């Protein structure tokens, strides 16, 4: 699988969200290192499932749009006379 790359700024924001979540939901403080390790684990273990689901959803959307485009093209056809 293609590795998930993010900017340092994105990673810092997510780490802060993880720390906030653990503080609010579990009343536990989590340091930057632990939050970063959890994020890395989630990316490695859960990331492929989420990525595959996103690809599946995108494929469904493209298929639906293509079907609609195909229907639209049929409506553009003009009647012809049989001679």
N, C-alpha and C. Protein backbone atom coordinates (compact mmCIF):
# COMPACT_ATOMS: atom_id res chain seq x y z
N UNK A 1 0.84 -1.19 0.00
CA UNK A 1 0.00 0.00 0.00
C UNK A 1 0.87 1.24 0.00
N UNK A 2 0.37 2.28 -0.59
CA UNK A 2 1.06 3.56 -0.61
C UNK A 2 1.08 4.12 0.81
N UNK A 3 2.25 4.50 1.30
CA UNK A 3 2.29 5.04 2.67
C UNK A 3 1.51 6.35 2.77
N UNK A 4 0.88 6.54 3.92
CA UNK A 4 0.13 7.77 4.15
C UNK A 4 1.11 8.83 4.65
N UNK A 5 1.27 9.85 3.86
CA UNK A 5 2.17 10.94 4.22
C UNK A 5 1.35 12.15 4.60
N UNK A 6 1.78 12.82 5.65
CA UNK A 6 1.12 14.05 6.06
C UNK A 6 2.18 15.05 6.47
N UNK A 7 1.80 16.30 6.41
CA UNK A 7 2.74 17.34 6.82
C UNK A 7 2.94 17.29 8.32
N UNK A 8 4.00 17.87 8.78
CA UNK A 8 4.26 17.93 10.23
C UNK A 8 3.12 18.68 10.92
N UNK A 9 2.62 19.73 10.28
CA UNK A 9 1.52 20.51 10.87
C UNK A 9 0.27 19.64 11.04
N UNK A 10 -0.05 18.83 10.03
CA UNK A 10 -1.20 17.93 10.13
C UNK A 10 -1.02 16.94 11.27
N UNK A 11 0.18 16.37 11.35
CA UNK A 11 0.45 15.39 12.38
C UNK A 11 0.34 16.02 13.78
N UNK A 12 0.85 17.23 13.93
CA UNK A 12 0.77 17.92 15.22
C UNK A 12 -0.69 18.16 15.60
N UNK A 13 -1.51 18.56 14.65
CA UNK A 13 -2.94 18.79 14.93
C UNK A 13 -3.62 17.50 15.37
N UNK A 14 -3.32 16.41 14.68
CA UNK A 14 -3.95 15.13 15.03
C UNK A 14 -3.48 14.66 16.40
N UNK A 15 -2.21 14.83 16.69
CA UNK A 15 -1.68 14.46 18.00
C UNK A 15 -2.39 15.24 19.09
N UNK A 16 -2.60 16.51 18.87
CA UNK A 16 -3.33 17.32 19.86
C UNK A 16 -4.76 16.83 20.03
N UNK A 17 -5.40 16.42 18.94
CA UNK A 17 -6.76 15.87 19.02
C UNK A 17 -6.79 14.57 19.81
N UNK A 18 -5.79 13.72 19.61
CA UNK A 18 -5.70 12.47 20.36
C UNK A 18 -5.55 12.76 21.84
N UNK A 19 -4.66 13.67 22.18
CA UNK A 19 -4.44 14.02 23.58
C UNK A 19 -5.70 14.58 24.22
N UNK A 20 -6.40 15.43 23.48
CA UNK A 20 -7.65 16.01 23.98
C UNK A 20 -8.70 14.91 24.18
N UNK A 21 -8.80 14.00 23.23
CA UNK A 21 -9.76 12.90 23.33
C UNK A 21 -9.51 12.09 24.60
N UNK A 22 -8.26 11.69 24.82
CA UNK A 22 -7.97 10.88 26.00
C UNK A 22 -8.23 11.65 27.29
N UNK A 23 -7.97 12.93 27.28
CA UNK A 23 -8.23 13.74 28.48
C UNK A 23 -9.74 13.84 28.74
N UNK A 24 -10.51 14.11 27.71
CA UNK A 24 -11.95 14.31 27.87
C UNK A 24 -12.72 13.01 28.08
N UNK A 25 -12.35 11.97 27.36
CA UNK A 25 -13.11 10.72 27.40
C UNK A 25 -12.64 9.74 28.47
N UNK A 26 -11.36 9.80 28.80
CA UNK A 26 -10.81 8.82 29.74
C UNK A 26 -10.19 9.46 30.98
N UNK A 27 -10.21 10.77 31.02
CA UNK A 27 -9.61 11.52 32.13
C UNK A 27 -8.15 11.10 32.35
N UNK A 28 -7.47 10.86 31.25
CA UNK A 28 -6.07 10.47 31.30
C UNK A 28 -5.24 11.44 30.46
N UNK A 29 -4.13 11.84 31.02
CA UNK A 29 -3.22 12.69 30.27
C UNK A 29 -2.35 11.81 29.39
N UNK A 30 -2.10 12.28 28.19
CA UNK A 30 -1.26 11.53 27.26
C UNK A 30 -0.20 12.48 26.73
N UNK A 31 1.02 12.05 26.74
CA UNK A 31 2.11 12.88 26.24
C UNK A 31 2.18 12.86 24.72
N UNK A 32 3.00 13.75 24.20
CA UNK A 32 3.18 13.85 22.75
C UNK A 32 3.71 12.55 22.15
N UNK A 33 4.70 11.94 22.80
CA UNK A 33 5.30 10.72 22.27
C UNK A 33 4.28 9.59 22.21
N UNK A 34 3.52 9.40 23.28
CA UNK A 34 2.51 8.33 23.30
C UNK A 34 1.44 8.59 22.24
N UNK A 35 1.01 9.84 22.10
CA UNK A 35 -0.01 10.17 21.10
C UNK A 35 0.53 9.95 19.69
N UNK A 36 1.78 10.31 19.47
CA UNK A 36 2.37 10.10 18.15
C UNK A 36 2.52 8.62 17.84
N UNK A 37 2.91 7.82 18.84
CA UNK A 37 3.02 6.38 18.63
C UNK A 37 1.65 5.76 18.34
N UNK A 38 0.62 6.22 19.04
CA UNK A 38 -0.73 5.74 18.78
C UNK A 38 -1.15 6.11 17.36
N UNK A 39 -0.88 7.34 16.95
CA UNK A 39 -1.22 7.77 15.59
C UNK A 39 -0.50 6.90 14.56
N UNK A 40 0.79 6.67 14.76
CA UNK A 40 1.55 5.84 13.82
C UNK A 40 0.99 4.42 13.75
N UNK A 41 0.62 3.88 14.91
CA UNK A 41 0.02 2.54 14.94
C UNK A 41 -1.30 2.53 14.17
N UNK A 42 -2.14 3.52 14.42
CA UNK A 42 -3.44 3.58 13.74
C UNK A 42 -3.27 3.72 12.23
N UNK A 43 -2.33 4.54 11.81
CA UNK A 43 -2.08 4.69 10.38
C UNK A 43 -1.65 3.37 9.77
N UNK A 44 -0.76 2.66 10.47
CA UNK A 44 -0.25 1.39 9.95
C UNK A 44 -1.31 0.30 9.96
N UNK A 45 -2.07 0.18 11.03
CA UNK A 45 -2.99 -0.93 11.19
C UNK A 45 -4.40 -0.66 10.65
N UNK A 46 -4.90 0.54 10.86
CA UNK A 46 -6.27 0.87 10.46
C UNK A 46 -6.29 1.59 9.11
N UNK A 47 -5.22 2.28 8.82
CA UNK A 47 -5.12 3.06 7.59
C UNK A 47 -5.48 2.31 6.34
N UNK A 48 -4.95 1.09 6.13
CA UNK A 48 -5.29 0.35 4.91
C UNK A 48 -6.79 0.07 4.77
N UNK A 49 -7.46 -0.23 5.89
CA UNK A 49 -8.90 -0.48 5.83
C UNK A 49 -9.65 0.79 5.43
N UNK A 50 -9.27 1.91 6.02
CA UNK A 50 -9.92 3.18 5.70
C UNK A 50 -9.63 3.58 4.26
N UNK A 51 -8.42 3.38 3.82
CA UNK A 51 -8.03 3.70 2.45
C UNK A 51 -8.85 2.87 1.47
N UNK A 52 -8.93 1.56 1.73
CA UNK A 52 -9.69 0.68 0.84
C UNK A 52 -11.16 1.08 0.81
N UNK A 53 -11.71 1.47 1.95
CA UNK A 53 -13.10 1.88 1.99
C UNK A 53 -13.30 3.16 1.17
N UNK A 54 -12.35 4.08 1.28
CA UNK A 54 -12.44 5.32 0.50
C UNK A 54 -12.37 5.03 -0.99
N UNK A 55 -11.51 4.11 -1.39
CA UNK A 55 -11.41 3.72 -2.80
C UNK A 55 -12.72 3.10 -3.26
N UNK A 56 -13.29 2.22 -2.43
CA UNK A 56 -14.58 1.59 -2.76
C UNK A 56 -15.67 2.65 -2.93
N UNK A 57 -15.73 3.59 -1.98
CA UNK A 57 -16.73 4.66 -2.06
C UNK A 57 -16.54 5.51 -3.31
N UNK A 58 -15.28 5.82 -3.63
CA UNK A 58 -14.99 6.62 -4.83
C UNK A 58 -15.41 5.85 -6.08
N UNK A 59 -15.13 4.54 -6.10
CA UNK A 59 -15.51 3.71 -7.24
C UNK A 59 -17.03 3.72 -7.42
N UNK A 60 -17.76 3.60 -6.33
CA UNK A 60 -19.22 3.63 -6.40
C UNK A 60 -19.71 4.95 -6.97
N UNK A 61 -19.15 6.04 -6.50
CA UNK A 61 -19.54 7.37 -6.97
C UNK A 61 -19.26 7.53 -8.45
N UNK A 62 -18.08 7.10 -8.88
CA UNK A 62 -17.72 7.20 -10.30
C UNK A 62 -18.67 6.35 -11.14
N UNK A 63 -18.99 5.16 -10.68
CA UNK A 63 -19.92 4.30 -11.43
C UNK A 63 -21.30 4.94 -11.53
N UNK A 64 -21.78 5.52 -10.44
CA UNK A 64 -23.08 6.19 -10.47
C UNK A 64 -23.06 7.37 -11.44
N UNK A 65 -22.00 8.16 -11.38
CA UNK A 65 -21.90 9.32 -12.28
C UNK A 65 -21.80 8.88 -13.73
N UNK A 66 -21.05 7.80 -13.97
CA UNK A 66 -20.91 7.31 -15.34
C UNK A 66 -22.25 6.82 -15.87
N UNK A 67 -23.00 6.13 -15.03
CA UNK A 67 -24.33 5.64 -15.44
C UNK A 67 -25.23 6.83 -15.79
N UNK A 68 -25.17 7.88 -14.99
CA UNK A 68 -25.98 9.07 -15.26
C UNK A 68 -25.54 9.74 -16.56
N UNK A 69 -24.24 9.82 -16.77
CA UNK A 69 -23.71 10.40 -18.01
C UNK A 69 -24.14 9.57 -19.21
N UNK A 70 -24.11 8.25 -19.07
CA UNK A 70 -24.55 7.37 -20.16
C UNK A 70 -26.02 7.63 -20.50
N UNK A 71 -26.85 7.77 -19.48
CA UNK A 71 -28.27 8.08 -19.71
C UNK A 71 -28.42 9.43 -20.39
N UNK A 72 -27.66 10.41 -19.93
CA UNK A 72 -27.73 11.75 -20.53
C UNK A 72 -27.35 11.72 -22.00
N UNK A 73 -26.35 10.92 -22.35
CA UNK A 73 -25.94 10.82 -23.74
C UNK A 73 -27.03 10.19 -24.60
N UNK A 74 -27.74 9.21 -24.08
CA UNK A 74 -28.85 8.61 -24.84
C UNK A 74 -29.94 9.64 -25.11
N UNK A 75 -30.17 10.54 -24.18
CA UNK A 75 -31.22 11.55 -24.40
C UNK A 75 -30.82 12.54 -25.49
N UNK A 76 -29.56 12.62 -25.81
CA UNK A 76 -29.11 13.54 -26.86
C UNK A 76 -29.29 12.97 -28.27
N UNK A 77 -29.51 11.68 -28.34
CA UNK A 77 -29.67 11.07 -29.66
C UNK A 77 -30.92 11.62 -30.35
N UNK A 78 -30.82 11.76 -31.67
CA UNK A 78 -31.92 12.26 -32.47
C UNK A 78 -32.57 11.10 -33.21
N UNK A 79 -33.87 11.19 -33.38
CA UNK A 79 -34.53 10.11 -34.13
C UNK A 79 -34.10 10.13 -35.59
N UNK A 80 -34.06 8.96 -36.18
CA UNK A 80 -33.72 8.84 -37.60
C UNK A 80 -34.89 8.18 -38.31
N UNK A 81 -34.98 8.49 -39.62
CA UNK A 81 -36.04 7.89 -40.42
C UNK A 81 -35.52 6.65 -41.11
N UNK A 82 -36.35 5.65 -41.13
CA UNK A 82 -36.02 4.45 -41.88
C UNK A 82 -36.47 4.67 -43.32
N UNK A 83 -35.63 4.44 -44.30
CA UNK A 83 -35.98 4.64 -45.71
C UNK A 83 -36.18 3.35 -46.38
